[in-house]
ModelCIF file with pLDDT and N, C-alpha, C, O atoms, coordinates in Angstrom:
data_MODEL
#
_entry.id   MODEL 
#
_entity.id                         1 
_entity.type                       polymer 
_entity.pdbx_number_of_molecules   1 
#
_entity_poly.entity_id                      1 
_entity_poly.type                           'polypeptide(L)' 
_entity_poly.nstd_linkage                   no 
_entity_poly.nstd_monomer                   no 
_entity_poly.pdbx_seq_one_letter_code       DIRELVSDILIDEGYTTRLASNSDETFKCIDEELPELIIL 
_entity_poly.pdbx_seq_one_letter_code_can   DIRELVSDILIDEGYTTRLASNSDETFKCIDEELPELIIL 
_entity_poly.pdbx_strand_id                 A 
#
loop_
_entity_poly_seq.entity_id 
_entity_poly_seq.num 
_entity_poly_seq.mon_id 
_entity_poly_seq.hetero 
1 1  ASP n 
1 2  ILE n 
1 3  ARG n 
1 4  GLU n 
1 5  LEU n 
1 6  VAL n 
1 7  SER n 
1 8  ASP n 
1 9  ILE n 
1 10 LEU n 
1 11 ILE n 
1 12 ASP n 
1 13 GLU n 
1 14 GLY n 
1 15 TYR n 
1 16 THR n 
1 17 THR n 
1 18 ARG n 
1 19 LEU n 
1 20 ALA n 
1 21 SER n 
1 22 ASN n 
1 23 SER n 
1 24 ASP n 
1 25 GLU n 
1 26 THR n 
1 27 PHE n 
1 28 LYS n 
1 29 CYS n 
1 30 ILE n 
1 31 ASP n 
1 32 GLU n 
1 33 GLU n 
1 34 LEU n 
1 35 PRO n 
1 36 GLU n 
1 37 LEU n 
1 38 ILE n 
1 39 ILE n 
1 40 LEU n 
#
_struct_asym.id          A 
_struct_asym.entity_id   1 
#
loop_
_ma_qa_metric.id 
_ma_qa_metric.mode 
_ma_qa_metric.name 
_ma_qa_metric.software_group_id 
_ma_qa_metric.type 
1 global pLDDT . pLDDT 
2 local  pLDDT . pLDDT 
#
_ma_qa_metric_global.metric_id      1 
_ma_qa_metric_global.metric_value   90.35 
_ma_qa_metric_global.model_id       1 
_ma_qa_metric_global.ordinal_id     1 
#
loop_
_ma_qa_metric_local.label_asym_id 
_ma_qa_metric_local.label_comp_id 
_ma_qa_metric_local.label_seq_id 
_ma_qa_metric_local.metric_id 
_ma_qa_metric_local.metric_value 
_ma_qa_metric_local.model_id 
_ma_qa_metric_local.ordinal_id 
A ASP 1  2 90.00 1 1  
A ILE 2  2 89.00 1 2  
A ARG 3  2 90.00 1 3  
A GLU 4  2 91.00 1 4  
A LEU 5  2 90.00 1 5  
A VAL 6  2 90.00 1 6  
A SER 7  2 92.00 1 7  
A ASP 8  2 91.00 1 8  
A ILE 9  2 90.00 1 9  
A LEU 10 2 89.00 1 10 
A ILE 11 2 90.00 1 11 
A ASP 12 2 88.00 1 12 
A GLU 13 2 87.00 1 13 
A GLY 14 2 87.00 1 14 
A TYR 15 2 89.00 1 15 
A THR 16 2 92.00 1 16 
A THR 17 2 93.00 1 17 
A ARG 18 2 94.00 1 18 
A LEU 19 2 95.00 1 19 
A ALA 20 2 94.00 1 20 
A SER 21 2 93.00 1 21 
A ASN 22 2 93.00 1 22 
A SER 23 2 92.00 1 23 
A ASP 24 2 92.00 1 24 
A GLU 25 2 93.00 1 25 
A THR 26 2 92.00 1 26 
A PHE 27 2 91.00 1 27 
A LYS 28 2 91.00 1 28 
A CYS 29 2 91.00 1 29 
A ILE 30 2 88.00 1 30 
A ASP 31 2 85.00 1 31 
A GLU 32 2 86.00 1 32 
A GLU 33 2 86.00 1 33 
A LEU 34 2 85.00 1 34 
A PRO 35 2 90.00 1 35 
A GLU 36 2 88.00 1 36 
A LEU 37 2 91.00 1 37 
A ILE 38 2 93.00 1 38 
A ILE 39 2 92.00 1 39 
A LEU 40 2 91.00 1 40 
#
loop_
_atom_site.group_PDB 
_atom_site.id 
_atom_site.type_symbol 
_atom_site.label_atom_id 
_atom_site.label_alt_id 
_atom_site.label_comp_id 
_atom_site.label_asym_id 
_atom_site.label_entity_id 
_atom_site.label_seq_id 
_atom_site.pdbx_PDB_ins_code 
_atom_site.Cartn_x 
_atom_site.Cartn_y 
_atom_site.Cartn_z 
_atom_site.occupancy 
_atom_site.B_iso_or_equiv 
_atom_site.pdbx_formal_charge 
_atom_site.auth_seq_id 
_atom_site.auth_comp_id 
_atom_site.auth_asym_id 
_atom_site.auth_atom_id 
_atom_site.pdbx_PDB_model_num 
ATOM 1   N N  . ASP A 1 1  ? 65.272 -224.282 226.678 1.00 90.00 ? 1  ASP A N  1 
ATOM 2   C CA . ASP A 1 1  ? 66.504 -223.736 226.108 1.00 90.00 ? 1  ASP A CA 1 
ATOM 3   C C  . ASP A 1 1  ? 67.697 -223.977 227.036 1.00 90.00 ? 1  ASP A C  1 
ATOM 4   O O  . ASP A 1 1  ? 68.794 -224.303 226.581 1.00 90.00 ? 1  ASP A O  1 
ATOM 5   N N  . ILE A 1 2  ? 67.468 -223.813 228.342 1.00 89.00 ? 2  ILE A N  1 
ATOM 6   C CA . ILE A 1 2  ? 68.552 -224.027 229.312 1.00 89.00 ? 2  ILE A CA 1 
ATOM 7   C C  . ILE A 1 2  ? 68.958 -225.497 229.327 1.00 89.00 ? 2  ILE A C  1 
ATOM 8   O O  . ILE A 1 2  ? 70.144 -225.826 229.321 1.00 89.00 ? 2  ILE A O  1 
ATOM 9   N N  . ARG A 1 3  ? 67.955 -226.375 229.346 1.00 90.00 ? 3  ARG A N  1 
ATOM 10  C CA . ARG A 1 3  ? 68.250 -227.819 229.361 1.00 90.00 ? 3  ARG A CA 1 
ATOM 11  C C  . ARG A 1 3  ? 69.122 -228.203 228.175 1.00 90.00 ? 3  ARG A C  1 
ATOM 12  O O  . ARG A 1 3  ? 70.132 -228.893 228.311 1.00 90.00 ? 3  ARG A O  1 
ATOM 13  N N  . GLU A 1 4  ? 68.695 -227.731 227.004 1.00 91.00 ? 4  GLU A N  1 
ATOM 14  C CA . GLU A 1 4  ? 69.407 -228.132 225.785 1.00 91.00 ? 4  GLU A CA 1 
ATOM 15  C C  . GLU A 1 4  ? 70.780 -227.477 225.693 1.00 91.00 ? 4  GLU A C  1 
ATOM 16  O O  . GLU A 1 4  ? 71.725 -228.093 225.201 1.00 91.00 ? 4  GLU A O  1 
ATOM 17  N N  . LEU A 1 5  ? 70.901 -226.232 226.163 1.00 90.00 ? 5  LEU A N  1 
ATOM 18  C CA . LEU A 1 5  ? 72.193 -225.552 226.142 1.00 90.00 ? 5  LEU A CA 1 
ATOM 19  C C  . LEU A 1 5  ? 73.204 -226.291 227.033 1.00 90.00 ? 5  LEU A C  1 
ATOM 20  O O  . LEU A 1 5  ? 74.328 -226.567 226.614 1.00 90.00 ? 5  LEU A O  1 
ATOM 21  N N  . VAL A 1 6  ? 72.788 -226.605 228.259 1.00 90.00 ? 6  VAL A N  1 
ATOM 22  C CA . VAL A 1 6  ? 73.680 -227.327 229.181 1.00 90.00 ? 6  VAL A CA 1 
ATOM 23  C C  . VAL A 1 6  ? 74.025 -228.694 228.611 1.00 90.00 ? 6  VAL A C  1 
ATOM 24  O O  . VAL A 1 6  ? 75.162 -229.155 228.715 1.00 90.00 ? 6  VAL A O  1 
ATOM 25  N N  . SER A 1 7  ? 73.031 -229.336 228.008 1.00 92.00 ? 7  SER A N  1 
ATOM 26  C CA . SER A 1 7  ? 73.264 -230.664 227.423 1.00 92.00 ? 7  SER A CA 1 
ATOM 27  C C  . SER A 1 7  ? 74.300 -230.591 226.309 1.00 92.00 ? 7  SER A C  1 
ATOM 28  O O  . SER A 1 7  ? 75.208 -231.420 226.246 1.00 92.00 ? 7  SER A O  1 
ATOM 29  N N  . ASP A 1 8  ? 74.165 -229.594 225.424 1.00 91.00 ? 8  ASP A N  1 
ATOM 30  C CA . ASP A 1 8  ? 75.120 -229.453 224.313 1.00 91.00 ? 8  ASP A CA 1 
ATOM 31  C C  . ASP A 1 8  ? 76.543 -229.215 224.832 1.00 91.00 ? 8  ASP A C  1 
ATOM 32  O O  . ASP A 1 8  ? 77.509 -229.769 224.306 1.00 91.00 ? 8  ASP A O  1 
ATOM 33  N N  . ILE A 1 9  ? 76.652 -228.386 225.869 1.00 90.00 ? 9  ILE A N  1 
ATOM 34  C CA . ILE A 1 9  ? 77.979 -228.099 226.437 1.00 90.00 ? 9  ILE A CA 1 
ATOM 35  C C  . ILE A 1 9  ? 78.616 -229.373 226.984 1.00 90.00 ? 9  ILE A C  1 
ATOM 36  O O  . ILE A 1 9  ? 79.795 -229.642 226.753 1.00 90.00 ? 9  ILE A O  1 
ATOM 37  N N  . LEU A 1 10 ? 77.814 -230.154 227.715 1.00 89.00 ? 10 LEU A N  1 
ATOM 38  C CA . LEU A 1 10 ? 78.357 -231.356 228.357 1.00 89.00 ? 10 LEU A CA 1 
ATOM 39  C C  . LEU A 1 10 ? 78.644 -232.461 227.344 1.00 89.00 ? 10 LEU A C  1 
ATOM 40  O O  . LEU A 1 10 ? 79.597 -233.222 227.505 1.00 89.00 ? 10 LEU A O  1 
ATOM 41  N N  . ILE A 1 11 ? 77.827 -232.548 226.310 1.00 90.00 ? 11 ILE A N  1 
ATOM 42  C CA . ILE A 1 11 ? 78.090 -233.538 225.254 1.00 90.00 ? 11 ILE A CA 1 
ATOM 43  C C  . ILE A 1 11 ? 79.415 -233.216 224.557 1.00 90.00 ? 11 ILE A C  1 
ATOM 44  O O  . ILE A 1 11 ? 80.191 -234.114 224.232 1.00 90.00 ? 11 ILE A O  1 
ATOM 45  N N  . ASP A 1 12 ? 79.663 -231.908 224.330 1.00 88.00 ? 12 ASP A N  1 
ATOM 46  C CA . ASP A 1 12 ? 80.948 -231.505 223.735 1.00 88.00 ? 12 ASP A CA 1 
ATOM 47  C C  . ASP A 1 12 ? 82.126 -231.894 224.630 1.00 88.00 ? 12 ASP A C  1 
ATOM 48  O O  . ASP A 1 12 ? 83.236 -232.120 224.148 1.00 88.00 ? 12 ASP A O  1 
ATOM 49  N N  . GLU A 1 13 ? 81.868 -231.968 225.946 1.00 87.00 ? 13 GLU A N  1 
ATOM 50  C CA . GLU A 1 13 ? 82.933 -232.341 226.898 1.00 87.00 ? 13 GLU A CA 1 
ATOM 51  C C  . GLU A 1 13 ? 83.082 -233.854 227.019 1.00 87.00 ? 13 GLU A C  1 
ATOM 52  O O  . GLU A 1 13 ? 83.956 -234.348 227.730 1.00 87.00 ? 13 GLU A O  1 
ATOM 53  N N  . GLY A 1 14 ? 82.209 -234.589 226.308 1.00 87.00 ? 14 GLY A N  1 
ATOM 54  C CA . GLY A 1 14 ? 82.330 -236.038 226.320 1.00 87.00 ? 14 GLY A CA 1 
ATOM 55  C C  . GLY A 1 14 ? 81.354 -236.760 227.224 1.00 87.00 ? 14 GLY A C  1 
ATOM 56  O O  . GLY A 1 14 ? 81.440 -237.980 227.365 1.00 87.00 ? 14 GLY A O  1 
ATOM 57  N N  . TYR A 1 15 ? 80.418 -236.034 227.847 1.00 89.00 ? 15 TYR A N  1 
ATOM 58  C CA . TYR A 1 15 ? 79.440 -236.674 228.731 1.00 89.00 ? 15 TYR A CA 1 
ATOM 59  C C  . TYR A 1 15 ? 78.208 -237.115 227.939 1.00 89.00 ? 15 TYR A C  1 
ATOM 60  O O  . TYR A 1 15 ? 77.968 -236.632 226.832 1.00 89.00 ? 15 TYR A O  1 
ATOM 61  N N  . THR A 1 16 ? 77.446 -238.017 228.504 1.00 92.00 ? 16 THR A N  1 
ATOM 62  C CA . THR A 1 16 ? 76.116 -238.343 227.973 1.00 92.00 ? 16 THR A CA 1 
ATOM 63  C C  . THR A 1 16 ? 75.093 -237.693 228.893 1.00 92.00 ? 16 THR A C  1 
ATOM 64  O O  . THR A 1 16 ? 75.315 -237.579 230.098 1.00 92.00 ? 16 THR A O  1 
ATOM 65  N N  . THR A 1 17 ? 73.971 -237.266 228.318 1.00 93.00 ? 17 THR A N  1 
ATOM 66  C CA . THR A 1 17 ? 72.999 -236.520 229.112 1.00 93.00 ? 17 THR A CA 1 
ATOM 67  C C  . THR A 1 17 ? 71.586 -237.052 228.914 1.00 93.00 ? 17 THR A C  1 
ATOM 68  O O  . THR A 1 17 ? 71.259 -237.647 227.887 1.00 93.00 ? 17 THR A O  1 
ATOM 69  N N  . ARG A 1 18 ? 70.757 -236.818 229.933 1.00 94.00 ? 18 ARG A N  1 
ATOM 70  C CA . ARG A 1 18 ? 69.312 -237.033 229.849 1.00 94.00 ? 18 ARG A CA 1 
ATOM 71  C C  . ARG A 1 18 ? 68.632 -235.788 230.395 1.00 94.00 ? 18 ARG A C  1 
ATOM 72  O O  . ARG A 1 18 ? 69.198 -235.082 231.230 1.00 94.00 ? 18 ARG A O  1 
ATOM 73  N N  . LEU A 1 19 ? 67.418 -235.519 229.925 1.00 95.00 ? 19 LEU A N  1 
ATOM 74  C CA . LEU A 1 19 ? 66.755 -234.256 230.262 1.00 95.00 ? 19 LEU A CA 1 
ATOM 75  C C  . LEU A 1 19 ? 65.419 -234.508 230.951 1.00 95.00 ? 19 LEU A C  1 
ATOM 76  O O  . LEU A 1 19 ? 64.706 -235.461 230.634 1.00 95.00 ? 19 LEU A O  1 
ATOM 77  N N  . ALA A 1 20 ? 65.089 -233.609 231.926 1.00 94.00 ? 20 ALA A N  1 
ATOM 78  C CA . ALA A 1 20 ? 63.799 -233.665 232.618 1.00 94.00 ? 20 ALA A CA 1 
ATOM 79  C C  . ALA A 1 20 ? 63.367 -232.241 232.936 1.00 94.00 ? 20 ALA A C  1 
ATOM 80  O O  . ALA A 1 20 ? 64.200 -231.368 233.183 1.00 94.00 ? 20 ALA A O  1 
ATOM 81  N N  . SER A 1 21 ? 62.040 -232.011 232.927 1.00 93.00 ? 21 SER A N  1 
ATOM 82  C CA . SER A 1 21 ? 61.532 -230.658 233.150 1.00 93.00 ? 21 SER A CA 1 
ATOM 83  C C  . SER A 1 21 ? 60.814 -230.494 234.485 1.00 93.00 ? 21 SER A C  1 
ATOM 84  O O  . SER A 1 21 ? 60.546 -229.366 234.900 1.00 93.00 ? 21 SER A O  1 
ATOM 85  N N  . ASN A 1 22 ? 60.497 -231.591 235.164 1.00 93.00 ? 22 ASN A N  1 
ATOM 86  C CA . ASN A 1 22 ? 59.783 -231.506 236.448 1.00 93.00 ? 22 ASN A CA 1 
ATOM 87  C C  . ASN A 1 22 ? 60.139 -232.713 237.327 1.00 93.00 ? 22 ASN A C  1 
ATOM 88  O O  . ASN A 1 22 ? 60.940 -233.564 236.940 1.00 93.00 ? 22 ASN A O  1 
ATOM 89  N N  . SER A 1 23 ? 59.531 -232.766 238.507 1.00 92.00 ? 23 SER A N  1 
ATOM 90  C CA . SER A 1 23 ? 59.879 -233.825 239.464 1.00 92.00 ? 23 SER A CA 1 
ATOM 91  C C  . SER A 1 23 ? 59.457 -235.207 238.962 1.00 92.00 ? 23 SER A C  1 
ATOM 92  O O  . SER A 1 23 ? 60.183 -236.179 239.164 1.00 92.00 ? 23 SER A O  1 
ATOM 93  N N  . ASP A 1 24 ? 58.293 -235.309 238.308 1.00 92.00 ? 24 ASP A N  1 
ATOM 94  C CA . ASP A 1 24 ? 57.841 -236.611 237.822 1.00 92.00 ? 24 ASP A CA 1 
ATOM 95  C C  . ASP A 1 24 ? 58.811 -237.183 236.787 1.00 92.00 ? 24 ASP A C  1 
ATOM 96  O O  . ASP A 1 24 ? 59.166 -238.360 236.843 1.00 92.00 ? 24 ASP A O  1 
ATOM 97  N N  . GLU A 1 25 ? 59.231 -236.349 235.852 1.00 93.00 ? 25 GLU A N  1 
ATOM 98  C CA . GLU A 1 25 ? 60.178 -236.816 234.834 1.00 93.00 ? 25 GLU A CA 1 
ATOM 99  C C  . GLU A 1 25 ? 61.539 -237.151 235.472 1.00 93.00 ? 25 GLU A C  1 
ATOM 100 O O  . GLU A 1 25 ? 62.231 -238.075 235.045 1.00 93.00 ? 25 GLU A O  1 
ATOM 101 N N  . THR A 1 26 ? 61.895 -236.386 236.489 1.00 92.00 ? 26 THR A N  1 
ATOM 102 C CA . THR A 1 26 ? 63.165 -236.632 237.178 1.00 92.00 ? 26 THR A CA 1 
ATOM 103 C C  . THR A 1 26 ? 63.175 -238.014 237.831 1.00 92.00 ? 26 THR A C  1 
ATOM 104 O O  . THR A 1 26 ? 64.111 -238.791 237.642 1.00 92.00 ? 26 THR A O  1 
ATOM 105 N N  . PHE A 1 27 ? 62.133 -238.310 238.594 1.00 91.00 ? 27 PHE A N  1 
ATOM 106 C CA . PHE A 1 27 ? 62.081 -239.594 239.300 1.00 91.00 ? 27 PHE A CA 1 
ATOM 107 C C  . PHE A 1 27 ? 61.954 -240.765 238.322 1.00 91.00 ? 27 PHE A C  1 
ATOM 108 O O  . PHE A 1 27 ? 62.448 -241.861 238.587 1.00 91.00 ? 27 PHE A O  1 
ATOM 109 N N  . LYS A 1 28 ? 61.294 -240.524 237.201 1.00 91.00 ? 28 LYS A N  1 
ATOM 110 C CA . LYS A 1 28 ? 61.181 -241.571 236.188 1.00 91.00 ? 28 LYS A CA 1 
ATOM 111 C C  . LYS A 1 28 ? 62.564 -241.894 235.612 1.00 91.00 ? 28 LYS A C  1 
ATOM 112 O O  . LYS A 1 28 ? 62.909 -243.061 235.427 1.00 91.00 ? 28 LYS A O  1 
ATOM 113 N N  . CYS A 1 29 ? 63.343 -240.856 235.333 1.00 91.00 ? 29 CYS A N  1 
ATOM 114 C CA . CYS A 1 29 ? 64.702 -241.074 234.814 1.00 91.00 ? 29 CYS A CA 1 
ATOM 115 C C  . CYS A 1 29 ? 65.574 -241.812 235.827 1.00 91.00 ? 29 CYS A C  1 
ATOM 116 O O  . CYS A 1 29 ? 66.355 -242.694 235.469 1.00 91.00 ? 29 CYS A O  1 
ATOM 117 N N  . ILE A 1 30 ? 65.428 -241.437 237.092 1.00 88.00 ? 30 ILE A N  1 
ATOM 118 C CA . ILE A 1 30 ? 66.224 -242.078 238.136 1.00 88.00 ? 30 ILE A CA 1 
ATOM 119 C C  . ILE A 1 30 ? 65.835 -243.544 238.290 1.00 88.00 ? 30 ILE A C  1 
ATOM 120 O O  . ILE A 1 30 ? 66.694 -244.407 238.470 1.00 88.00 ? 30 ILE A O  1 
ATOM 121 N N  . ASP A 1 31 ? 64.535 -243.819 238.219 1.00 85.00 ? 31 ASP A N  1 
ATOM 122 C CA . ASP A 1 31 ? 64.072 -245.207 238.342 1.00 85.00 ? 31 ASP A CA 1 
ATOM 123 C C  . ASP A 1 31 ? 64.572 -246.073 237.188 1.00 85.00 ? 31 ASP A C  1 
ATOM 124 O O  . ASP A 1 31 ? 64.896 -247.246 237.368 1.00 85.00 ? 31 ASP A O  1 
ATOM 125 N N  . GLU A 1 32 ? 64.629 -245.465 235.987 1.00 86.00 ? 32 GLU A N  1 
ATOM 126 C CA . GLU A 1 32 ? 65.111 -246.226 234.829 1.00 86.00 ? 32 GLU A CA 1 
ATOM 127 C C  . GLU A 1 32 ? 66.583 -246.579 234.982 1.00 86.00 ? 32 GLU A C  1 
ATOM 128 O O  . GLU A 1 32 ? 66.980 -247.719 234.742 1.00 86.00 ? 32 GLU A O  1 
ATOM 129 N N  . GLU A 1 33 ? 67.385 -245.609 235.378 1.00 86.00 ? 33 GLU A N  1 
ATOM 130 C CA . GLU A 1 33 ? 68.811 -245.839 235.607 1.00 86.00 ? 33 GLU A CA 1 
ATOM 131 C C  . GLU A 1 33 ? 69.376 -244.669 236.399 1.00 86.00 ? 33 GLU A C  1 
ATOM 132 O O  . GLU A 1 33 ? 69.170 -243.508 236.044 1.00 86.00 ? 33 GLU A O  1 
ATOM 133 N N  . LEU A 1 34 ? 70.083 -244.982 237.464 1.00 85.00 ? 34 LEU A N  1 
ATOM 134 C CA . LEU A 1 34 ? 70.623 -243.935 238.321 1.00 85.00 ? 34 LEU A CA 1 
ATOM 135 C C  . LEU A 1 34 ? 71.749 -243.208 237.592 1.00 85.00 ? 34 LEU A C  1 
ATOM 136 O O  . LEU A 1 34 ? 72.717 -243.842 237.171 1.00 85.00 ? 34 LEU A O  1 
ATOM 137 N N  . PRO A 1 35 ? 71.638 -241.875 237.433 1.00 90.00 ? 35 PRO A N  1 
ATOM 138 C CA . PRO A 1 35 ? 72.714 -241.127 236.755 1.00 90.00 ? 35 PRO A CA 1 
ATOM 139 C C  . PRO A 1 35 ? 73.934 -241.013 237.668 1.00 90.00 ? 35 PRO A C  1 
ATOM 140 O O  . PRO A 1 35 ? 73.864 -241.331 238.855 1.00 90.00 ? 35 PRO A O  1 
ATOM 141 N N  . GLU A 1 36 ? 75.033 -240.565 237.110 1.00 88.00 ? 36 GLU A N  1 
ATOM 142 C CA . GLU A 1 36 ? 76.248 -240.360 237.903 1.00 88.00 ? 36 GLU A CA 1 
ATOM 143 C C  . GLU A 1 36 ? 76.273 -238.979 238.536 1.00 88.00 ? 36 GLU A C  1 
ATOM 144 O O  . GLU A 1 36 ? 77.012 -238.738 239.490 1.00 88.00 ? 36 GLU A O  1 
ATOM 145 N N  . LEU A 1 37 ? 75.460 -238.071 237.999 1.00 91.00 ? 37 LEU A N  1 
ATOM 146 C CA . LEU A 1 37 ? 75.392 -236.713 238.548 1.00 91.00 ? 37 LEU A CA 1 
ATOM 147 C C  . LEU A 1 37 ? 74.089 -236.071 238.076 1.00 91.00 ? 37 LEU A C  1 
ATOM 148 O O  . LEU A 1 37 ? 73.580 -236.393 237.003 1.00 91.00 ? 37 LEU A O  1 
ATOM 149 N N  . ILE A 1 38 ? 73.558 -235.161 238.888 1.00 93.00 ? 38 ILE A N  1 
ATOM 150 C CA . ILE A 1 38 ? 72.341 -234.434 238.520 1.00 93.00 ? 38 ILE A CA 1 
ATOM 151 C C  . ILE A 1 38 ? 72.601 -232.936 238.595 1.00 93.00 ? 38 ILE A C  1 
ATOM 152 O O  . ILE A 1 38 ? 73.153 -232.441 239.578 1.00 93.00 ? 38 ILE A O  1 
ATOM 153 N N  . ILE A 1 39 ? 72.195 -232.216 237.541 1.00 92.00 ? 39 ILE A N  1 
ATOM 154 C CA . ILE A 1 39 ? 72.170 -230.756 237.545 1.00 92.00 ? 39 ILE A CA 1 
ATOM 155 C C  . ILE A 1 39 ? 70.720 -230.354 237.752 1.00 92.00 ? 39 ILE A C  1 
ATOM 156 O O  . ILE A 1 39 ? 69.867 -230.678 236.926 1.00 92.00 ? 39 ILE A O  1 
ATOM 157 N N  . LEU A 1 40 ? 70.427 -229.656 238.836 1.00 91.00 ? 40 LEU A N  1 
ATOM 158 C CA . LEU A 1 40 ? 69.040 -229.462 239.270 1.00 91.00 ? 40 LEU A CA 1 
ATOM 159 C C  . LEU A 1 40 ? 68.724 -227.981 239.474 1.00 91.00 ? 40 LEU A C  1 
ATOM 160 O O  . LEU A 1 40 ? 67.601 -227.635 239.840 1.00 91.00 ? 40 LEU A O  1 
#
């Protein structure tokens, strides 16, 4: 719920978002493409 709430807020502000729930998913997202910012 927190992930999706923050994502909805940032999308409304014009950002694009990706979501992860643990360290493995986080590193996988980073390996695919380095984000410009991380909320952790």
